[in-house]
């Protein structure tokens, strides 16, 4: 998508939709928001909607960082302790690996 062709009001609306969509357990939308709108928010000359877009980009980046940290923590804990959790670890597994590592 070429953001140069879109009016500023529509850029703001799109950035807001991506920001709010990230709360529906879709952190990929926060990543897209940060990547697509970073230039618009921080590198372009100032225009009316820019402070709001900048706010959505910052919040999306923060949400993405928190999401990645939580997911990484959970994956690390689960991989390390799954065998010790016994039946609970097996119920949480999609596939049950053979052995205990």
PDB file of N, CA and C in Angstrom:
ATOM      1  N   UNK A   1       0.841  -1.166   0.000  1.00  0.00           N
ATOM      2  CA  UNK A   1       0.000   0.000   0.000  1.00  0.00           C
ATOM      3  C   UNK A   1       0.892   1.237   0.000  1.00  0.00           C
ATOM      4  N   UNK A   2       0.545   2.192  -0.820  1.00  0.00           N
ATOM      5  CA  UNK A   2       1.298   3.431  -0.908  1.00  0.00           C
ATOM      6  C   UNK A   2       0.590   4.508  -0.083  1.00  0.00           C
ATOM      7  N   UNK A   3       1.184   4.874   1.046  1.00  0.00           N
ATOM      8  CA  UNK A   3       0.559   5.861   1.924  1.00  0.00           C
ATOM      9  C   UNK A   3       0.601   7.266   1.341  1.00  0.00           C
ATOM     10  N   UNK A   4       1.408   7.486   0.320  1.00  0.00           N
ATOM     11  CA  UNK A   4       1.508   8.812  -0.295  1.00  0.00           C
ATOM     12  C   UNK A   4       0.204   9.209  -0.975  1.00  0.00           C
ATOM     13  N   UNK A   5      -0.551   8.233  -1.439  1.00  0.00           N
ATOM     14  CA  UNK A   5      -1.778   8.497  -2.187  1.00  0.00           C
ATOM     15  C   UNK A   5      -3.011   8.652  -1.307  1.00  0.00           C
ATOM     16  N   UNK A   6      -2.874   8.368  -0.038  1.00  0.00           N
ATOM     17  CA  UNK A   6      -4.022   8.392   0.870  1.00  0.00           C
ATOM     18  C   UNK A   6      -4.088   9.737   1.579  1.00  0.00           C
ATOM     19  N   UNK A   7      -5.307  10.305   1.705  1.00  0.00           N
ATOM     20  CA  UNK A   7      -5.438  11.560   2.468  1.00  0.00           C
ATOM     21  C   UNK A   7      -5.081  11.350   3.943  1.00  0.00           C
ATOM     22  N   UNK A   8      -4.662  12.410   4.598  1.00  0.00           N
ATOM     23  CA  UNK A   8      -4.216  12.316   5.998  1.00  0.00           C
ATOM     24  C   UNK A   8      -5.306  11.812   6.931  1.00  0.00           C
ATOM     25  N   UNK A   9      -6.552  12.190   6.695  1.00  0.00           N
ATOM     26  CA  UNK A   9      -7.650  11.728   7.551  1.00  0.00           C
ATOM     27  C   UNK A   9      -7.802  10.211   7.464  1.00  0.00           C
ATOM     28  N   UNK A  10      -7.629   9.678   6.263  1.00  0.00           N
ATOM     29  CA  UNK A  10      -7.742   8.232   6.086  1.00  0.00           C
ATOM     30  C   UNK A  10      -6.543   7.508   6.709  1.00  0.00           C
ATOM     31  N   UNK A  11      -5.371   8.118   6.661  1.00  0.00           N
ATOM     32  CA  UNK A  11      -4.191   7.544   7.324  1.00  0.00           C
ATOM     33  C   UNK A  11      -4.448   7.415   8.818  1.00  0.00           C
ATOM     34  N   UNK A  12      -5.008   8.468   9.390  1.00  0.00           N
ATOM     35  CA  UNK A  12      -5.319   8.448  10.819  1.00  0.00           C
ATOM     36  C   UNK A  12      -6.323   7.343  11.129  1.00  0.00           C
ATOM     37  N   UNK A  13      -7.347   7.230  10.319  1.00  0.00           N
ATOM     38  CA  UNK A  13      -8.369   6.207  10.527  1.00  0.00           C
ATOM     39  C   UNK A  13      -7.775   4.805  10.410  1.00  0.00           C
ATOM     40  N   UNK A  14      -6.922   4.585   9.424  1.00  0.00           N
ATOM     41  CA  UNK A  14      -6.293   3.281   9.228  1.00  0.00           C
ATOM     42  C   UNK A  14      -5.358   2.939  10.386  1.00  0.00           C
ATOM     43  N   UNK A  15      -4.579   3.905  10.820  1.00  0.00           N
ATOM     44  CA  UNK A  15      -3.679   3.682  11.947  1.00  0.00           C
ATOM     45  C   UNK A  15      -4.467   3.346  13.212  1.00  0.00           C
ATOM     46  N   UNK A  16      -5.562   4.047  13.412  1.00  0.00           N
ATOM     47  CA  UNK A  16      -6.412   3.783  14.583  1.00  0.00           C
ATOM     48  C   UNK A  16      -7.011   2.384  14.513  1.00  0.00           C
ATOM     49  N   UNK A  17      -7.463   1.949  13.330  1.00  0.00           N
ATOM     50  CA  UNK A  17      -8.029   0.608  13.176  1.00  0.00           C
ATOM     51  C   UNK A  17      -6.994  -0.475  13.466  1.00  0.00           C
ATOM     52  N   UNK A  18      -5.770  -0.284  12.991  1.00  0.00           N
ATOM     53  CA  UNK A  18      -4.715  -1.265  13.264  1.00  0.00           C
ATOM     54  C   UNK A  18      -4.390  -1.296  14.757  1.00  0.00           C
ATOM     55  N   UNK A  19      -4.364  -0.135  15.375  1.00  0.00           N
ATOM     56  CA  UNK A  19      -4.075  -0.072  16.810  1.00  0.00           C
ATOM     57  C   UNK A  19      -5.151  -0.817  17.598  1.00  0.00           C
ATOM     58  N   UNK A  20      -6.403  -0.524  17.336  1.00  0.00           N
ATOM     59  CA  UNK A  20      -7.492  -1.171  18.066  1.00  0.00           C
ATOM     60  C   UNK A  20      -7.592  -2.657  17.721  1.00  0.00           C
ATOM     61  N   UNK A  21      -7.302  -3.017  16.479  1.00  0.00           N
ATOM     62  CA  UNK A  21      -7.341  -4.418  16.075  1.00  0.00           C
ATOM     63  C   UNK A  21      -6.320  -5.262  16.815  1.00  0.00           C
ATOM     64  N   UNK A  22      -5.220  -4.672  17.234  1.00  0.00           N
ATOM     65  CA  UNK A  22      -4.204  -5.400  17.985  1.00  0.00           C
ATOM     66  C   UNK A  22      -4.714  -5.913  19.316  1.00  0.00           C
ATOM     67  N   UNK A  23      -5.735  -5.264  19.862  1.00  0.00           N
ATOM     68  CA  UNK A  23      -6.299  -5.705  21.139  1.00  0.00           C
ATOM     69  C   UNK A  23      -7.152  -6.958  20.994  1.00  0.00           C
ATOM     70  N   UNK A  24      -7.466  -7.349  19.771  1.00  0.00           N
ATOM     71  CA  UNK A  24      -8.246  -8.564  19.530  1.00  0.00           C
ATOM     72  C   UNK A  24      -7.297  -9.755  19.388  1.00  0.00           C
ATOM     73  N   UNK A  25      -6.226  -9.768  20.164  1.00  0.00           N
ATOM     74  CA  UNK A  25      -5.199 -10.809  20.132  1.00  0.00           C
ATOM     75  C   UNK A  25      -4.603 -10.957  18.732  1.00  0.00           C
ATOM     76  N   UNK A  26      -4.420  -9.834  18.051  1.00  0.00           N
ATOM     77  CA  UNK A  26      -3.794  -9.805  16.731  1.00  0.00           C
ATOM     78  C   UNK A  26      -2.600  -8.861  16.761  1.00  0.00           C
ATOM     79  N   UNK A  27      -1.535  -9.208  17.492  1.00  0.00           N
ATOM     80  CA  UNK A  27      -0.393  -8.299  17.622  1.00  0.00           C
ATOM     81  C   UNK A  27       0.308  -8.037  16.294  1.00  0.00           C
ATOM     82  N   UNK A  28       0.042  -8.879  15.289  1.00  0.00           N
ATOM     83  CA  UNK A  28       0.601  -8.630  13.963  1.00  0.00           C
ATOM     84  C   UNK A  28       0.129  -7.269  13.434  1.00  0.00           C
ATOM     85  N   UNK A  29      -1.081  -6.868  13.775  1.00  0.00           N
ATOM     86  CA  UNK A  29      -1.585  -5.557  13.347  1.00  0.00           C
ATOM     87  C   UNK A  29      -0.781  -4.432  13.979  1.00  0.00           C
ATOM     88  N   UNK A  30      -0.314  -4.615  15.201  1.00  0.00           N
ATOM     89  CA  UNK A  30       0.535  -3.597  15.824  1.00  0.00           C
ATOM     90  C   UNK A  30       1.867  -3.497  15.073  1.00  0.00           C
ATOM     91  N   UNK A  31       2.403  -4.638  14.688  1.00  0.00           N
ATOM     92  CA  UNK A  31       3.644  -4.636  13.915  1.00  0.00           C
ATOM     93  C   UNK A  31       3.450  -3.911  12.588  1.00  0.00           C
ATOM     94  N   UNK A  32       2.363  -4.206  11.898  1.00  0.00           N
ATOM     95  CA  UNK A  32       2.063  -3.540  10.633  1.00  0.00           C
ATOM     96  C   UNK A  32       1.904  -2.040  10.857  1.00  0.00           C
ATOM     97  N   UNK A  33       1.216  -1.663  11.909  1.00  0.00           N
ATOM     98  CA  UNK A  33       1.012  -0.247  12.211  1.00  0.00           C
ATOM     99  C   UNK A  33       2.347   0.468  12.420  1.00  0.00           C
ATOM    100  N   UNK A  34       3.231  -0.146  13.170  1.00  0.00           N
ATOM    101  CA  UNK A  34       4.543   0.462  13.426  1.00  0.00           C
ATOM    102  C   UNK A  34       5.349   0.567  12.135  1.00  0.00           C
ATOM    103  N   UNK A  35       5.382  -0.496  11.358  1.00  0.00           N
ATOM    104  CA  UNK A  35       6.182  -0.496  10.134  1.00  0.00           C
ATOM    105  C   UNK A  35       5.635   0.465   9.082  1.00  0.00           C
ATOM    106  N   UNK A  36       4.326   0.486   8.891  1.00  0.00           N
ATOM    107  CA  UNK A  36       3.741   1.330   7.855  1.00  0.00           C
ATOM    108  C   UNK A  36       3.727   2.806   8.214  1.00  0.00           C
ATOM    109  N   UNK A  37       3.457   3.111   9.475  1.00  0.00           N
ATOM    110  CA  UNK A  37       3.220   4.504   9.836  1.00  0.00           C
ATOM    111  C   UNK A  37       4.384   5.176  10.562  1.00  0.00           C
ATOM    112  N   UNK A  38       5.503   4.492  10.734  1.00  0.00           N
ATOM    113  CA  UNK A  38       6.641   5.111  11.420  1.00  0.00           C
ATOM    114  C   UNK A  38       7.106   6.363  10.686  1.00  0.00           C
ATOM    115  N   UNK A  39       7.270   6.257   9.373  1.00  0.00           N
ATOM    116  CA  UNK A  39       7.709   7.416   8.590  1.00  0.00           C
ATOM    117  C   UNK A  39       6.717   8.562   8.673  1.00  0.00           C
ATOM    118  N   UNK A  40       5.433   8.223   8.564  1.00  0.00           N
ATOM    119  CA  UNK A  40       4.389   9.255   8.638  1.00  0.00           C
ATOM    120  C   UNK A  40       4.404   9.951   9.990  1.00  0.00           C
ATOM    121  N   UNK A  41       4.641   9.198  11.032  1.00  0.00           N
ATOM    122  CA  UNK A  41       4.555   9.739  12.386  1.00  0.00           C
ATOM    123  C   UNK A  41       5.786  10.538  12.789  1.00  0.00           C
ATOM    124  N   UNK A  42       6.971  10.113  12.361  1.00  0.00           N
ATOM    125  CA  UNK A  42       8.190  10.704  12.899  1.00  0.00           C
ATOM    126  C   UNK A  42       9.082  11.413  11.884  1.00  0.00           C
ATOM    127  N   UNK A  43       8.966  11.106  10.607  1.00  0.00           N
ATOM    128  CA  UNK A  43       9.910  11.654   9.638  1.00  0.00           C
ATOM    129  C   UNK A  43       9.310  12.674   8.674  1.00  0.00           C
ATOM    130  N   UNK A  44       8.008  12.690   8.512  1.00  0.00           N
ATOM    131  CA  UNK A  44       7.360  13.625   7.578  1.00  0.00           C
ATOM    132  C   UNK A  44       7.199  14.994   8.230  1.00  0.00           C
ATOM    133  N   UNK A  45       7.083  16.045   7.408  1.00  0.00           N
ATOM    134  CA  UNK A  45       6.782  17.367   7.975  1.00  0.00           C
ATOM    135  C   UNK A  45       5.437  17.344   8.718  1.00  0.00           C
ATOM    136  N   UNK A  46       5.304  18.199   9.703  1.00  0.00           N
ATOM    137  CA  UNK A  46       4.127  18.205  10.566  1.00  0.00           C
ATOM    138  C   UNK A  46       2.850  18.528   9.803  1.00  0.00           C
ATOM    139  N   UNK A  47       1.793  17.782  10.120  1.00  0.00           N
ATOM    140  CA  UNK A  47       0.449  18.062   9.614  1.00  0.00           C
ATOM    141  C   UNK A  47      -0.539  17.780  10.742  1.00  0.00           C
ATOM    142  N   UNK A  48      -1.790  18.114  10.538  1.00  0.00           N
ATOM    143  CA  UNK A  48      -2.791  18.124  11.613  1.00  0.00           C
ATOM    144  C   UNK A  48      -2.956  16.775  12.311  1.00  0.00           C
ATOM    145  N   UNK A  49      -3.024  15.695  11.555  1.00  0.00           N
ATOM    146  CA  UNK A  49      -3.298  14.374  12.132  1.00  0.00           C
ATOM    147  C   UNK A  49      -2.054  13.671  12.670  1.00  0.00           C
ATOM    148  N   UNK A  50      -0.886  14.237  12.430  1.00  0.00           N
ATOM    149  CA  UNK A  50       0.370  13.556  12.780  1.00  0.00           C
ATOM    150  C   UNK A  50       0.514  13.244  14.272  1.00  0.00           C
ATOM    151  N   UNK A  51       0.170  14.153  15.185  1.00  0.00           N
ATOM    152  CA  UNK A  51       0.323  13.792  16.614  1.00  0.00           C
ATOM    153  C   UNK A  51      -0.504  12.575  17.020  1.00  0.00           C
ATOM    154  N   UNK A  52      -1.697  12.438  16.456  1.00  0.00           N
ATOM    155  CA  UNK A  52      -2.529  11.281  16.789  1.00  0.00           C
ATOM    156  C   UNK A  52      -1.936  10.004  16.188  1.00  0.00           C
ATOM    157  N   UNK A  53      -1.456  10.084  14.956  1.00  0.00           N
ATOM    158  CA  UNK A  53      -0.817   8.915  14.338  1.00  0.00           C
ATOM    159  C   UNK A  53       0.417   8.526  15.140  1.00  0.00           C
ATOM    160  N   UNK A  54       1.194   9.505  15.560  1.00  0.00           N
ATOM    161  CA  UNK A  54       2.394   9.244  16.366  1.00  0.00           C
ATOM    162  C   UNK A  54       2.020   8.517  17.660  1.00  0.00           C
ATOM    163  N   UNK A  55       0.929   8.933  18.267  1.00  0.00           N
ATOM    164  CA  UNK A  55       0.461   8.291  19.493  1.00  0.00           C
ATOM    165  C   UNK A  55       0.092   6.827  19.235  1.00  0.00           C
ATOM    166  N   UNK A  56      -0.625   6.555  18.141  1.00  0.00           N
ATOM    167  CA  UNK A  56      -1.007   5.180  17.810  1.00  0.00           C
ATOM    168  C   UNK A  56       0.212   4.318  17.502  1.00  0.00           C
ATOM    169  N   UNK A  57       1.200   4.893  16.844  1.00  0.00           N
ATOM    170  CA  UNK A  57       2.418   4.140  16.521  1.00  0.00           C
ATOM    171  C   UNK A  57       3.185   3.803  17.793  1.00  0.00           C
ATOM    172  N   UNK A  58       3.319   4.760  18.695  1.00  0.00           N
ATOM    173  CA  UNK A  58       4.023   4.507  19.956  1.00  0.00           C
ATOM    174  C   UNK A  58       3.303   3.439  20.782  1.00  0.00           C
ATOM    175  N   UNK A  59       1.981   3.558  20.889  1.00  0.00           N
ATOM    176  CA  UNK A  59       1.207   2.589  21.666  1.00  0.00           C
ATOM    177  C   UNK A  59       1.253   1.206  21.024  1.00  0.00           C
ATOM    178  N   UNK A  60       1.231   1.163  19.692  1.00  0.00           N
ATOM    179  CA  UNK A  60       1.333  -0.117  18.997  1.00  0.00           C
ATOM    180  C   UNK A  60       2.684  -0.770  19.246  1.00  0.00           C
ATOM    181  N   UNK A  61       3.746   0.022  19.237  1.00  0.00           N
ATOM    182  CA  UNK A  61       5.081  -0.510  19.500  1.00  0.00           C
ATOM    183  C   UNK A  61       5.165  -1.051  20.930  1.00  0.00           C
ATOM    184  N   UNK A  62       4.621  -0.317  21.875  1.00  0.00           N
ATOM    185  CA  UNK A  62       4.619  -0.773  23.260  1.00  0.00           C
ATOM    186  C   UNK A  62       3.815  -2.062  23.408  1.00  0.00           C
ATOM    187  N   UNK A  63       2.640  -2.119  22.807  1.00  0.00           N
ATOM    188  CA  UNK A  63       1.819  -3.329  22.869  1.00  0.00           C
ATOM    189  C   UNK A  63       2.518  -4.523  22.253  1.00  0.00           C
ATOM    190  N   UNK A  64       3.203  -4.292  21.139  1.00  0.00           N
ATOM    191  CA  UNK A  64       3.931  -5.366  20.475  1.00  0.00           C
ATOM    192  C   UNK A  64       5.072  -5.877  21.350  1.00  0.00           C
ATOM    193  N   UNK A  65       5.792  -4.977  21.966  1.00  0.00           N
ATOM    194  CA  UNK A  65       6.902  -5.372  22.847  1.00  0.00           C
ATOM    195  C   UNK A  65       6.386  -6.173  24.038  1.00  0.00           C
ATOM    196  N   UNK A  66       5.302  -5.724  24.637  1.00  0.00           N
ATOM    197  CA  UNK A  66       4.719  -6.450  25.780  1.00  0.00           C
ATOM    198  C   UNK A  66       4.241  -7.826  25.335  1.00  0.00           C
ATOM    199  N   UNK A  67       3.560  -7.892  24.180  1.00  0.00           N
ATOM    200  CA  UNK A  67       3.050  -9.163  23.673  1.00  0.00           C
ATOM    201  C   UNK A  67       4.193 -10.150  23.421  1.00  0.00           C
ATOM    202  N   UNK A  68       5.247  -9.688  22.795  1.00  0.00           N
ATOM    203  CA  UNK A  68       6.397 -10.549  22.499  1.00  0.00           C
ATOM    204  C   UNK A  68       7.053 -11.014  23.807  1.00  0.00           C
ATOM    205  N   UNK A  69       7.172 -10.125  24.786  1.00  0.00           N
ATOM    206  CA  UNK A  69       7.779 -10.496  26.072  1.00  0.00           C
ATOM    207  C   UNK A  69       6.941 -11.555  26.784  1.00  0.00           C
ATOM    208  N   UNK A  70       5.639 -11.370  26.816  1.00  0.00           N
ATOM    209  CA  UNK A  70       4.756 -12.338  27.481  1.00  0.00           C
ATOM    210  C   UNK A  70       4.795 -13.677  26.756  1.00  0.00           C
ATOM    211  N   UNK A  71       4.713 -13.643  25.442  1.00  0.00           N
ATOM    212  CA  UNK A  71       4.719 -14.885  24.665  1.00  0.00           C
ATOM    213  C   UNK A  71       6.052 -15.622  24.811  1.00  0.00           C
ATOM    214  N   UNK A  72       7.152 -14.896  24.775  1.00  0.00           N
ATOM    215  CA  UNK A  72       8.468 -15.512  24.938  1.00  0.00           C
ATOM    216  C   UNK A  72       8.621 -16.125  26.326  1.00  0.00           C
ATOM    217  N   UNK A  73       8.136 -15.417  27.336  1.00  0.00           N
ATOM    218  CA  UNK A  73       8.188 -15.939  28.707  1.00  0.00           C
ATOM    219  C   UNK A  73       7.379 -17.223  28.823  1.00  0.00           C
ATOM    220  N   UNK A  74       6.163 -17.222  28.276  1.00  0.00           N
ATOM    221  CA  UNK A  74       5.317 -18.414  28.353  1.00  0.00           C
ATOM    222  C   UNK A  74       5.961 -19.589  27.620  1.00  0.00           C
ATOM    223  N   UNK A  75       6.491 -19.359  26.435  1.00  0.00           N
ATOM    224  CA  UNK A  75       7.108 -20.441  25.660  1.00  0.00           C
ATOM    225  C   UNK A  75       8.303 -21.013  26.420  1.00  0.00           C
ATOM    226  N   UNK A  76       9.099 -20.138  27.010  1.00  0.00           N
ATOM    227  CA  UNK A  76      10.269 -20.597  27.763  1.00  0.00           C
ATOM    228  C   UNK A  76       9.852 -21.429  28.973  1.00  0.00           C
ATOM    229  N   UNK A  77       8.895 -20.944  29.736  1.00  0.00           N
ATOM    230  CA  UNK A  77       8.422 -21.681  30.917  1.00  0.00           C
ATOM    231  C   UNK A  77       7.812 -23.013  30.509  1.00  0.00           C
ATOM    232  N   UNK A  78       6.971 -22.999  29.474  1.00  0.00           N
ATOM    233  CA  UNK A  78       6.308 -24.228  29.054  1.00  0.00           C
ATOM    234  C   UNK A  78       7.308 -25.264  28.557  1.00  0.00           C
ATOM    235  N   UNK A  79       8.277 -24.837  27.755  1.00  0.00           N
ATOM    236  CA  UNK A  79       9.261 -25.785  27.238  1.00  0.00           C
ATOM    237  C   UNK A  79      10.132 -26.365  28.358  1.00  0.00           C
ATOM    238  N   UNK A  80      10.409 -25.560  29.341  1.00  0.00           N
ATOM    239  CA  UNK A  80      11.283 -26.005  30.424  1.00  0.00           C
ATOM    240  C   UNK A  80      10.566 -26.928  31.408  1.00  0.00           C
ATOM    241  N   UNK A  81       9.305 -26.643  31.723  1.00  0.00           N
ATOM    242  CA  UNK A  81       8.609 -27.361  32.796  1.00  0.00           C
ATOM    243  C   UNK A  81       7.508 -28.309  32.333  1.00  0.00           C
ATOM    244  N   UNK A  82       7.291 -28.464  31.028  1.00  0.00           N
ATOM    245  CA  UNK A  82       6.191 -29.293  30.549  1.00  0.00           C
ATOM    246  C   UNK A  82       6.260 -30.713  31.087  1.00  0.00           C
ATOM    247  N   UNK A  83       7.419 -31.315  31.071  1.00  0.00           N
ATOM    248  CA  UNK A  83       7.564 -32.707  31.532  1.00  0.00           C
ATOM    249  C   UNK A  83       7.276 -32.831  33.029  1.00  0.00           C
ATOM    250  N   UNK A  84       7.648 -31.804  33.794  1.00  0.00           N
ATOM    251  CA  UNK A  84       7.416 -31.846  35.242  1.00  0.00           C
ATOM    252  C   UNK A  84       5.946 -31.645  35.591  1.00  0.00           C
ATOM    253  N   UNK A  85       5.182 -31.037  34.710  1.00  0.00           N
ATOM    254  CA  UNK A  85       3.765 -30.770  34.984  1.00  0.00           C
ATOM    255  C   UNK A  85       2.896 -32.013  34.779  1.00  0.00           C
ATOM    256  N   UNK A  86       3.481 -33.065  34.239  1.00  0.00           N
ATOM    257  CA  UNK A  86       2.760 -34.324  34.084  1.00  0.00           C
ATOM    258  C   UNK A  86       1.545 -34.204  33.177  1.00  0.00           C
ATOM    259  N   UNK A  87       0.381 -34.617  33.708  1.00  0.00           N
ATOM    260  CA  UNK A  87      -0.848 -34.629  32.917  1.00  0.00           C
ATOM    261  C   UNK A  87      -1.258 -33.243  32.437  1.00  0.00           C
ATOM    262  N   UNK A  88      -1.079 -32.262  33.284  1.00  0.00           N
ATOM    263  CA  UNK A  88      -1.443 -30.889  32.901  1.00  0.00           C
ATOM    264  C   UNK A  88      -0.613 -30.438  31.703  1.00  0.00           C
ATOM    265  N   UNK A  89       0.668 -30.720  31.731  1.00  0.00           N
ATOM    266  CA  UNK A  89       1.531 -30.383  30.606  1.00  0.00           C
ATOM    267  C   UNK A  89       1.122 -31.100  29.335  1.00  0.00           C
ATOM    268  N   UNK A  90       0.676 -32.357  29.480  1.00  0.00           N
ATOM    269  CA  UNK A  90       0.212 -33.107  28.325  1.00  0.00           C
ATOM    270  C   UNK A  90      -1.081 -32.522  27.767  1.00  0.00           C
ATOM    271  N   UNK A  91      -1.985 -32.124  28.652  1.00  0.00           N
ATOM    272  CA  UNK A  91      -3.249 -31.535  28.189  1.00  0.00           C
ATOM    273  C   UNK A  91      -3.021 -30.204  27.479  1.00  0.00           C
ATOM    274  N   UNK A  92      -2.006 -29.473  27.893  1.00  0.00           N
ATOM    275  CA  UNK A  92      -1.710 -28.190  27.261  1.00  0.00           C
ATOM    276  C   UNK A  92      -0.964 -28.335  25.947  1.00  0.00           C
ATOM    277  N   UNK A  93      -0.429 -29.535  25.683  1.00  0.00           N
ATOM    278  CA  UNK A  93       0.350 -29.775  24.474  1.00  0.00           C
ATOM    279  C   UNK A  93      -0.568 -30.131  23.307  1.00  0.00           C
ATOM    280  N   UNK A  94      -0.236 -29.607  22.152  1.00  0.00           N
ATOM    281  CA  UNK A  94      -0.955 -29.981  20.944  1.00  0.00           C
ATOM    282  C   UNK A  94      -0.489 -31.340  20.474  1.00  0.00           C
ATOM    283  N   UNK A  95       0.806 -31.533  20.478  1.00  0.00           N
ATOM    284  CA  UNK A  95       1.384 -32.841  20.210  1.00  0.00           C
ATOM    285  C   UNK A  95       2.218 -33.219  21.416  1.00  0.00           C
ATOM    286  N   UNK A  96       2.171 -34.455  21.784  1.00  0.00           N
ATOM    287  CA  UNK A  96       2.907 -34.904  22.967  1.00  0.00           C
ATOM    288  C   UNK A  96       4.234 -35.492  22.504  1.00  0.00           C
ATOM    289  N   UNK A  97       5.343 -34.831  22.833  1.00  0.00           N
ATOM    290  CA  UNK A  97       6.649 -35.365  22.435  1.00  0.00           C
ATOM    291  C   UNK A  97       6.985 -36.627  23.213  1.00  0.00           C
ATOM    292  N   UNK A  98       7.774 -37.488  22.603  1.00  0.00           N
ATOM    293  CA  UNK A  98       8.191 -38.714  23.261  1.00  0.00           C
ATOM    294  C   UNK A  98       9.363 -38.410  24.186  1.00  0.00           C
ATOM    295  N   UNK A  99       9.384 -39.043  25.330  1.00  0.00           N
ATOM    296  CA  UNK A  99      10.502 -38.868  26.265  1.00  0.00           C
ATOM    297  C   UNK A  99      10.334 -37.649  27.145  1.00  0.00           C
ATOM    298  N   UNK A 100      11.319 -37.426  28.002  1.00  0.00           N
ATOM    299  CA  UNK A 100      11.279 -36.294  28.929  1.00  0.00           C
ATOM    300  C   UNK A 100      12.406 -35.331  28.718  1.00  0.00           C
ATOM    301  N   UNK A 101      13.172 -35.502  27.696  1.00  0.00           N
ATOM    302  CA  UNK A 101      14.293 -34.618  27.336  1.00  0.00           C
ATOM    303  C   UNK A 101      15.487 -35.021  28.114  1.00  0.00           C
TER     304      UNK A 101
END
